[in-house]
Amino acid sequence: MGDPQRIQALISAMERRHGVAHGRDMAGQGLAVSMARTR
């Protein structure tokens, strides 16, 4: 999950779908969840 390009693509997709601020918030939450899972 440490692939910056995939993370960036995820964030931009979220931004397009939900608006920038909300998309970034959702992507951040998803990132936190997936990182907590791999730990």
C-alpha atoms as a PDB file:
ATOM      1  CA  MET A   1       0.000   0.000   0.000  1.00  0.00           C
ATOM      2  CA  GLY A   2       3.054   2.235  -0.132  1.00  0.00           C
ATOM      3  CA  ASP A   3       2.634   3.078  -3.814  1.00  0.00           C
ATOM      4  CA  PRO A   4       2.446   6.903  -4.041  1.00  0.00           C
ATOM      5  CA  GLN A   5       1.050   6.888  -7.577  1.00  0.00           C
ATOM      6  CA  ARG A   6      -1.851   4.628  -6.608  1.00  0.00           C
ATOM      7  CA  ILE A   7      -2.577   6.759  -3.554  1.00  0.00           C
ATOM      8  CA  GLN A   8      -2.499   9.909  -5.668  1.00  0.00           C
ATOM      9  CA  ALA A   9      -4.837   8.347  -8.231  1.00  0.00           C
ATOM     10  CA  LEU A  10      -7.206   7.321  -5.445  1.00  0.00           C
ATOM     11  CA  ILE A  11      -7.234  10.843  -4.028  1.00  0.00           C
ATOM     12  CA  SER A  12      -7.883  12.479  -7.404  1.00  0.00           C
ATOM     13  CA  ALA A  13     -10.684  10.021  -8.123  1.00  0.00           C
ATOM     14  CA  MET A  14     -12.234  10.832  -4.754  1.00  0.00           C
ATOM     15  CA  GLU A  15     -11.842  14.556  -5.390  1.00  0.00           C
ATOM     16  CA  ARG A  16     -13.591  14.249  -8.726  1.00  0.00           C
ATOM     17  CA  ARG A  17     -16.415  12.222  -7.229  1.00  0.00           C
ATOM     18  CA  HIS A  18     -17.057  14.069  -3.964  1.00  0.00           C
ATOM     19  CA  GLY A  19     -15.384  17.451  -4.283  1.00  0.00           C
ATOM     20  CA  VAL A  20     -11.834  18.236  -3.261  1.00  0.00           C
ATOM     21  CA  ALA A  21     -12.109  18.692   0.508  1.00  0.00           C
ATOM     22  CA  HIS A  22     -14.521  15.822   1.081  1.00  0.00           C
ATOM     23  CA  GLY A  23     -12.672  13.529  -1.311  1.00  0.00           C
ATOM     24  CA  ARG A  24      -9.376  14.166   0.426  1.00  0.00           C
ATOM     25  CA  ASP A  25     -11.015  13.504   3.787  1.00  0.00           C
ATOM     26  CA  MET A  26     -12.453  10.182   2.595  1.00  0.00           C
ATOM     27  CA  ALA A  27      -9.184   9.146   0.979  1.00  0.00           C
ATOM     28  CA  GLY A  28      -7.357   9.976   4.216  1.00  0.00           C
ATOM     29  CA  GLN A  29      -9.763   7.817   6.204  1.00  0.00           C
ATOM     30  CA  GLY A  30      -9.436   4.938   3.749  1.00  0.00           C
ATOM     31  CA  LEU A  31      -5.671   5.250   3.891  1.00  0.00           C
ATOM     32  CA  ALA A  32      -5.677   5.203   7.702  1.00  0.00           C
ATOM     33  CA  VAL A  33      -7.921   2.137   7.721  1.00  0.00           C
ATOM     34  CA  SER A  34      -5.835   0.189   5.207  1.00  0.00           C
ATOM     35  CA  MET A  35      -2.598   1.125   6.982  1.00  0.00           C
ATOM     36  CA  ALA A  36      -4.036   0.034  10.321  1.00  0.00           C
ATOM     37  CA  ARG A  37      -5.038  -3.265   8.710  1.00  0.00           C
ATOM     38  CA  THR A  38      -1.594  -4.025   7.319  1.00  0.00           C
ATOM     39  CA  ARG A  39       0.092  -3.248  10.625  1.00  0.00           C
END
